[in-house]
Amino acid sequence: MFDLILGVIVAGGLVGVAVLMFAENIVPPIPSEVIMPLAGFAAAQGDLNFAGVVAAGAAGATAGAYVWYAVGRRVSEARLDRWVERHGRWLTLDASDLERSRAFFRRRGALAVFLGRLAPGVRTFVSVPAGVMRMPQIPFMIATTLGTAIWTAMLAAAGYLLEQEYERVADWLDPVSAVVVAVLVAAYLIRAIRWRRRSSPSA
């Protein structure tokens, strides 16, 4: 697979990097943890310009993130309120949680988006609540662009510096991603238990 992806990157150049990162953010077929180190590796081999690789990767990922943000904005607040009322138990949400989320994104939305773009397993989907909570577009784009640029630069630099040993990047990020996902699942289960107790008539 590495050779195949590397071939696509070299053949497509910076456009190929941007397209792959855009696709990774829409329906993640190939993780950025593979795309960007390989693009950095190609830059180390002289096939691509390193600065161009980072810029192309960030541009593609930012465009993909905006698609999910736009999807979130198409959900009206009234429709979201109705959905939470009917199905919120699956996400351990109720009306008060929704209002707190709105208040949080009004106050700290940019920080949440910025940090989310640096977190494996979260970065692709943080755009949706930002859109649903009507986070202003300019702060969203600034936070997304900055977070994405840092993430892509780190991965590309790892591939550039490791060159022939770029597989180590995936070996390091795989357990990190697994830990992040495990923490998210544990947090959900704990919240689900507390939400059920809070919603119980006997509570």
C-alpha atoms as a PDB file:
ATOM      1  CA  MET A   1       0.000   0.000   0.000  1.00  0.00           C
ATOM      2  CA  PHE A   2       2.835   2.402   0.811  1.00  0.00           C
ATOM      3  CA  ASP A   3       4.255   2.026  -2.684  1.00  0.00           C
ATOM      4  CA  LEU A   4       0.812   2.572  -4.222  1.00  0.00           C
ATOM      5  CA  ILE A   5       0.117   5.737  -2.250  1.00  0.00           C
ATOM      6  CA  LEU A   6       3.619   7.031  -2.876  1.00  0.00           C
ATOM      7  CA  GLY A   7       3.113   6.436  -6.592  1.00  0.00           C
ATOM      8  CA  VAL A   8      -0.124   8.453  -6.521  1.00  0.00           C
ATOM      9  CA  ILE A   9       1.597  11.282  -4.666  1.00  0.00           C
ATOM     10  CA  VAL A  10       4.566  11.407  -7.023  1.00  0.00           C
ATOM     11  CA  ALA A  11       2.386  11.141 -10.127  1.00  0.00           C
ATOM     12  CA  GLY A  12      -0.191  13.659  -8.921  1.00  0.00           C
ATOM     13  CA  GLY A  13       2.298  16.051  -7.383  1.00  0.00           C
ATOM     14  CA  LEU A  14       1.008  18.707  -5.019  1.00  0.00           C
ATOM     15  CA  VAL A  15      -2.469  18.416  -6.513  1.00  0.00           C
ATOM     16  CA  GLY A  16      -2.434  14.727  -5.663  1.00  0.00           C
ATOM     17  CA  VAL A  17      -1.476  15.510  -2.053  1.00  0.00           C
ATOM     18  CA  ALA A  18      -4.298  18.046  -1.771  1.00  0.00           C
ATOM     19  CA  VAL A  19      -6.854  15.661  -3.288  1.00  0.00           C
ATOM     20  CA  LEU A  20      -5.839  12.799  -0.996  1.00  0.00           C
ATOM     21  CA  MET A  21      -6.082  15.009   2.087  1.00  0.00           C
ATOM     22  CA  PHE A  22      -9.441  16.356   0.959  1.00  0.00           C
ATOM     23  CA  ALA A  23     -10.741  12.813   0.464  1.00  0.00           C
ATOM     24  CA  GLU A  24      -9.320  11.743   3.826  1.00  0.00           C
ATOM     25  CA  ASN A  25     -11.449  14.396   5.519  1.00  0.00           C
ATOM     26  CA  ILE A  26     -14.650  13.543   3.657  1.00  0.00           C
ATOM     27  CA  VAL A  27     -14.693   9.748   3.886  1.00  0.00           C
ATOM     28  CA  PRO A  28     -11.372   8.712   5.405  1.00  0.00           C
ATOM     29  CA  PRO A  29     -10.140   5.990   3.034  1.00  0.00           C
ATOM     30  CA  ILE A  30      -6.479   6.555   3.871  1.00  0.00           C
ATOM     31  CA  PRO A  31      -5.413   8.314   7.083  1.00  0.00           C
ATOM     32  CA  SER A  32      -3.406  11.512   7.000  1.00  0.00           C
ATOM     33  CA  GLU A  33      -0.871   9.660   9.169  1.00  0.00           C
ATOM     34  CA  VAL A  34       0.029   7.761   5.997  1.00  0.00           C
ATOM     35  CA  ILE A  35      -0.487  10.436   3.332  1.00  0.00           C
ATOM     36  CA  MET A  36       1.585  13.263   4.785  1.00  0.00           C
ATOM     37  CA  PRO A  37       4.637  11.251   5.910  1.00  0.00           C
ATOM     38  CA  LEU A  38       4.764   9.733   2.430  1.00  0.00           C
ATOM     39  CA  ALA A  39       4.475  13.194   0.893  1.00  0.00           C
ATOM     40  CA  GLY A  40       7.331  14.326   3.158  1.00  0.00           C
ATOM     41  CA  PHE A  41       9.320  11.295   2.072  1.00  0.00           C
ATOM     42  CA  ALA A  42       8.736  12.231  -1.567  1.00  0.00           C
ATOM     43  CA  ALA A  43       9.992  15.734  -0.785  1.00  0.00           C
ATOM     44  CA  ALA A  44      13.128  14.279   0.832  1.00  0.00           C
ATOM     45  CA  GLN A  45      13.745  12.312  -2.345  1.00  0.00           C
ATOM     46  CA  GLY A  46      13.495  15.509  -4.400  1.00  0.00           C
ATOM     47  CA  ASP A  47      10.217  14.625  -6.101  1.00  0.00           C
ATOM     48  CA  LEU A  48       8.239  17.414  -4.404  1.00  0.00           C
ATOM     49  CA  ASN A  49       8.881  20.698  -2.619  1.00  0.00           C
ATOM     50  CA  PHE A  50       8.523  20.363   1.155  1.00  0.00           C
ATOM     51  CA  ALA A  51       6.798  23.725   1.708  1.00  0.00           C
ATOM     52  CA  GLY A  52       4.487  22.946  -1.177  1.00  0.00           C
ATOM     53  CA  VAL A  53       3.653  19.563   0.352  1.00  0.00           C
ATOM     54  CA  VAL A  54       2.638  21.160   3.661  1.00  0.00           C
ATOM     55  CA  ALA A  55       0.618  23.873   1.918  1.00  0.00           C
ATOM     56  CA  ALA A  56      -1.145  21.409  -0.386  1.00  0.00           C
ATOM     57  CA  GLY A  57      -1.938  19.001   2.445  1.00  0.00           C
ATOM     58  CA  ALA A  58      -3.267  21.778   4.658  1.00  0.00           C
ATOM     59  CA  ALA A  59      -5.352  23.237   1.829  1.00  0.00           C
ATOM     60  CA  GLY A  60      -6.924  19.893   0.967  1.00  0.00           C
ATOM     61  CA  ALA A  61      -7.666  19.041   4.594  1.00  0.00           C
ATOM     62  CA  THR A  62      -9.099  22.482   5.309  1.00  0.00           C
ATOM     63  CA  ALA A  63     -11.388  22.235   2.302  1.00  0.00           C
ATOM     64  CA  GLY A  64     -12.589  18.833   3.478  1.00  0.00           C
ATOM     65  CA  ALA A  65     -13.187  20.169   6.987  1.00  0.00           C
ATOM     66  CA  TYR A  66     -15.277  23.009   5.585  1.00  0.00           C
ATOM     67  CA  VAL A  67     -17.549  20.527   3.801  1.00  0.00           C
ATOM     68  CA  TRP A  68     -18.463  18.941   7.157  1.00  0.00           C
ATOM     69  CA  TYR A  69     -18.877  22.392   8.707  1.00  0.00           C
ATOM     70  CA  ALA A  70     -21.287  23.348   5.926  1.00  0.00           C
ATOM     71  CA  VAL A  71     -23.226  20.123   6.483  1.00  0.00           C
ATOM     72  CA  GLY A  72     -23.542  20.991  10.168  1.00  0.00           C
ATOM     73  CA  ARG A  73     -24.809  24.497   9.390  1.00  0.00           C
ATOM     74  CA  ARG A  74     -27.614  23.072   7.259  1.00  0.00           C
ATOM     75  CA  VAL A  75     -29.137  21.518  10.373  1.00  0.00           C
ATOM     76  CA  SER A  76     -31.489  24.118  11.851  1.00  0.00           C
ATOM     77  CA  GLU A  77     -31.473  24.673  15.601  1.00  0.00           C
ATOM     78  CA  ALA A  78     -35.174  23.792  15.806  1.00  0.00           C
ATOM     79  CA  ARG A  79     -34.553  20.524  13.977  1.00  0.00           C
ATOM     80  CA  LEU A  80     -31.604  19.764  16.235  1.00  0.00           C
ATOM     81  CA  ASP A  81     -33.726  20.463  19.330  1.00  0.00           C
ATOM     82  CA  ARG A  82     -36.387  18.043  18.091  1.00  0.00           C
ATOM     83  CA  TRP A  83     -33.780  15.391  17.273  1.00  0.00           C
ATOM     84  CA  VAL A  84     -32.172  15.651  20.712  1.00  0.00           C
ATOM     85  CA  GLU A  85     -35.591  15.425  22.362  1.00  0.00           C
ATOM     86  CA  ARG A  86     -36.376  12.207  20.475  1.00  0.00           C
ATOM     87  CA  HIS A  87     -32.983  10.530  20.141  1.00  0.00           C
ATOM     88  CA  GLY A  88     -30.636  12.339  22.499  1.00  0.00           C
ATOM     89  CA  ARG A  89     -30.392   9.324  24.788  1.00  0.00           C
ATOM     90  CA  TRP A  90     -28.134   7.602  22.237  1.00  0.00           C
ATOM     91  CA  LEU A  91     -25.620  10.426  22.599  1.00  0.00           C
ATOM     92  CA  THR A  92     -26.458  11.021  26.279  1.00  0.00           C
ATOM     93  CA  LEU A  93     -27.749  14.479  25.397  1.00  0.00           C
ATOM     94  CA  ASP A  94     -30.703  16.462  26.653  1.00  0.00           C
ATOM     95  CA  ALA A  95     -31.866  20.060  26.152  1.00  0.00           C
ATOM     96  CA  SER A  96     -29.606  21.425  28.913  1.00  0.00           C
ATOM     97  CA  ASP A  97     -26.565  19.677  27.425  1.00  0.00           C
ATOM     98  CA  LEU A  98     -27.371  21.154  24.037  1.00  0.00           C
ATOM     99  CA  GLU A  99     -27.634  24.652  25.442  1.00  0.00           C
ATOM    100  CA  ARG A 100     -24.314  24.265  27.268  1.00  0.00           C
ATOM    101  CA  SER A 101     -22.722  23.073  24.007  1.00  0.00           C
ATOM    102  CA  ARG A 102     -24.026  26.146  22.221  1.00  0.00           C
ATOM    103  CA  ALA A 103     -22.663  28.396  24.943  1.00  0.00           C
ATOM    104  CA  PHE A 104     -19.305  26.595  24.846  1.00  0.00           C
ATOM    105  CA  PHE A 105     -18.912  27.026  21.089  1.00  0.00           C
ATOM    106  CA  ARG A 106     -19.861  30.687  21.403  1.00  0.00           C
ATOM    107  CA  ARG A 107     -17.084  31.185  23.977  1.00  0.00           C
ATOM    108  CA  ARG A 108     -14.434  28.583  23.147  1.00  0.00           C
ATOM    109  CA  GLY A 109     -15.347  27.243  19.715  1.00  0.00           C
ATOM    110  CA  ALA A 110     -12.117  28.327  18.052  1.00  0.00           C
ATOM    111  CA  LEU A 111     -10.005  26.592  20.713  1.00  0.00           C
ATOM    112  CA  ALA A 112     -12.084  23.405  20.460  1.00  0.00           C
ATOM    113  CA  VAL A 113     -11.704  23.311  16.680  1.00  0.00           C
ATOM    114  CA  PHE A 114      -7.978  24.085  16.820  1.00  0.00           C
ATOM    115  CA  LEU A 115      -7.248  21.327  19.350  1.00  0.00           C
ATOM    116  CA  GLY A 116      -9.619  18.936  17.606  1.00  0.00           C
ATOM    117  CA  ARG A 117      -7.671  19.274  14.366  1.00  0.00           C
ATOM    118  CA  LEU A 118      -4.606  17.984  16.220  1.00  0.00           C
ATOM    119  CA  ALA A 119      -6.318  14.932  17.727  1.00  0.00           C
ATOM    120  CA  PRO A 120      -6.363  11.606  15.857  1.00  0.00           C
ATOM    121  CA  GLY A 121      -9.863  10.169  15.685  1.00  0.00           C
ATOM    122  CA  VAL A 122     -11.424  13.586  16.366  1.00  0.00           C
ATOM    123  CA  ARG A 123      -9.996  15.872  13.709  1.00  0.00           C
ATOM    124  CA  THR A 124     -12.294  14.767  10.888  1.00  0.00           C
ATOM    125  CA  PHE A 125     -15.525  15.203  12.827  1.00  0.00           C
ATOM    126  CA  VAL A 126     -14.986  18.297  14.977  1.00  0.00           C
ATOM    127  CA  SER A 127     -16.264  20.426  12.078  1.00  0.00           C
ATOM    128  CA  VAL A 128     -19.801  19.064  12.389  1.00  0.00           C
ATOM    129  CA  PRO A 129     -20.632  20.399  15.887  1.00  0.00           C
ATOM    130  CA  ALA A 130     -18.948  23.672  14.960  1.00  0.00           C
ATOM    131  CA  GLY A 131     -21.386  24.020  12.076  1.00  0.00           C
ATOM    132  CA  VAL A 132     -24.402  22.829  14.034  1.00  0.00           C
ATOM    133  CA  MET A 133     -23.650  25.310  16.831  1.00  0.00           C
ATOM    134  CA  ARG A 134     -23.379  28.107  14.259  1.00  0.00           C
ATOM    135  CA  MET A 135     -19.745  28.925  14.990  1.00  0.00           C
ATOM    136  CA  PRO A 136     -18.872  31.974  12.823  1.00  0.00           C
ATOM    137  CA  GLN A 137     -17.122  31.009   9.596  1.00  0.00           C
ATOM    138  CA  ILE A 138     -14.046  33.229   9.928  1.00  0.00           C
ATOM    139  CA  PRO A 139     -12.987  31.952  13.396  1.00  0.00           C
ATOM    140  CA  PHE A 140     -13.744  28.411  12.234  1.00  0.00           C
ATOM    141  CA  MET A 141     -11.562  28.749   9.158  1.00  0.00           C
ATOM    142  CA  ILE A 142      -8.710  30.393  11.077  1.00  0.00           C
ATOM    143  CA  ALA A 143      -8.717  27.707  13.784  1.00  0.00           C
ATOM    144  CA  THR A 144      -9.057  24.922  11.226  1.00  0.00           C
ATOM    145  CA  THR A 145      -6.296  26.266   8.992  1.00  0.00           C
ATOM    146  CA  LEU A 146      -3.855  26.755  11.878  1.00  0.00           C
ATOM    147  CA  GLY A 147      -4.532  23.359  13.449  1.00  0.00           C
ATOM    148  CA  THR A 148      -4.421  21.589  10.105  1.00  0.00           C
ATOM    149  CA  ALA A 149      -1.217  23.321   9.036  1.00  0.00           C
ATOM    150  CA  ILE A 150       0.537  22.260  12.245  1.00  0.00           C
ATOM    151  CA  TRP A 151      -0.712  18.665  11.921  1.00  0.00           C
ATOM    152  CA  THR A 152       0.287  18.300   8.266  1.00  0.00           C
ATOM    153  CA  ALA A 153       3.656  19.988   8.851  1.00  0.00           C
ATOM    154  CA  MET A 154       4.469  17.623  11.718  1.00  0.00           C
ATOM    155  CA  LEU A 155       3.606  14.525   9.699  1.00  0.00           C
ATOM    156  CA  ALA A 156       5.372  15.736   6.568  1.00  0.00           C
ATOM    157  CA  ALA A 157       8.459  16.663   8.587  1.00  0.00           C
ATOM    158  CA  ALA A 158       8.501  13.197  10.156  1.00  0.00           C
ATOM    159  CA  GLY A 159       8.435  11.567   6.717  1.00  0.00           C
ATOM    160  CA  TYR A 160      11.059  14.000   5.424  1.00  0.00           C
ATOM    161  CA  LEU A 161      13.465  13.406   8.307  1.00  0.00           C
ATOM    162  CA  LEU A 162      13.011   9.644   8.544  1.00  0.00           C
ATOM    163  CA  GLU A 163      13.179   9.093   4.767  1.00  0.00           C
ATOM    164  CA  GLN A 164      13.620   5.340   4.292  1.00  0.00           C
ATOM    165  CA  GLU A 165      12.246   4.645   7.771  1.00  0.00           C
ATOM    166  CA  TYR A 166       9.031   6.641   7.405  1.00  0.00           C
ATOM    167  CA  GLU A 167       7.005   3.560   8.429  1.00  0.00           C
ATOM    168  CA  ARG A 168       8.023   4.399  12.007  1.00  0.00           C
ATOM    169  CA  VAL A 169       5.619   7.328  11.902  1.00  0.00           C
ATOM    170  CA  ALA A 170       2.660   4.981  11.498  1.00  0.00           C
ATOM    171  CA  ASP A 171       4.089   2.641  14.132  1.00  0.00           C
ATOM    172  CA  TRP A 172       4.165   5.528  16.598  1.00  0.00           C
ATOM    173  CA  LEU A 173       0.834   7.079  15.711  1.00  0.00           C
ATOM    174  CA  ASP A 174      -1.169   3.835  15.647  1.00  0.00           C
ATOM    175  CA  PRO A 175      -0.983   3.259  19.429  1.00  0.00           C
ATOM    176  CA  VAL A 176      -1.540   6.982  20.065  1.00  0.00           C
ATOM    177  CA  SER A 177      -4.690   6.885  17.936  1.00  0.00           C
ATOM    178  CA  ALA A 178      -5.850   3.732  19.730  1.00  0.00           C
ATOM    179  CA  VAL A 179      -5.412   5.416  23.128  1.00  0.00           C
ATOM    180  CA  VAL A 180      -7.379   8.477  21.997  1.00  0.00           C
ATOM    181  CA  VAL A 181     -10.231   6.301  20.712  1.00  0.00           C
ATOM    182  CA  ALA A 182     -10.214   4.218  23.917  1.00  0.00           C
ATOM    183  CA  VAL A 183     -10.430   7.367  26.051  1.00  0.00           C
ATOM    184  CA  LEU A 184     -13.343   8.662  23.962  1.00  0.00           C
ATOM    185  CA  VAL A 185     -15.201   5.349  24.273  1.00  0.00           C
ATOM    186  CA  ALA A 186     -14.597   5.233  28.037  1.00  0.00           C
ATOM    187  CA  ALA A 187     -15.804   8.818  28.402  1.00  0.00           C
ATOM    188  CA  TYR A 188     -18.949   7.973  26.445  1.00  0.00           C
ATOM    189  CA  LEU A 189     -19.698   4.916  28.610  1.00  0.00           C
ATOM    190  CA  ILE A 190     -19.196   6.857  31.836  1.00  0.00           C
ATOM    191  CA  ARG A 191     -21.415   9.644  30.568  1.00  0.00           C
ATOM    192  CA  ALA A 192     -24.055   7.151  29.413  1.00  0.00           C
ATOM    193  CA  ILE A 193     -24.197   5.596  32.881  1.00  0.00           C
ATOM    194  CA  ARG A 194     -24.479   8.981  34.585  1.00  0.00           C
ATOM    195  CA  TRP A 195     -27.075  10.179  32.062  1.00  0.00           C
ATOM    196  CA  ARG A 196     -29.207   7.096  32.633  1.00  0.00           C
ATOM    197  CA  ARG A 197     -29.087   7.579  36.404  1.00  0.00           C
ATOM    198  CA  ARG A 198     -29.965  11.270  36.020  1.00  0.00           C
ATOM    199  CA  SER A 199     -32.894  10.439  33.722  1.00  0.00           C
ATOM    200  CA  SER A 200     -34.234   7.629  35.924  1.00  0.00           C
ATOM    201  CA  PRO A 201     -37.618   8.469  37.534  1.00  0.00           C
ATOM    202  CA  SER A 202     -36.349   7.149  40.864  1.00  0.00           C
ATOM    203  CA  ALA A 203     -33.340   9.484  40.864  1.00  0.00           C
END
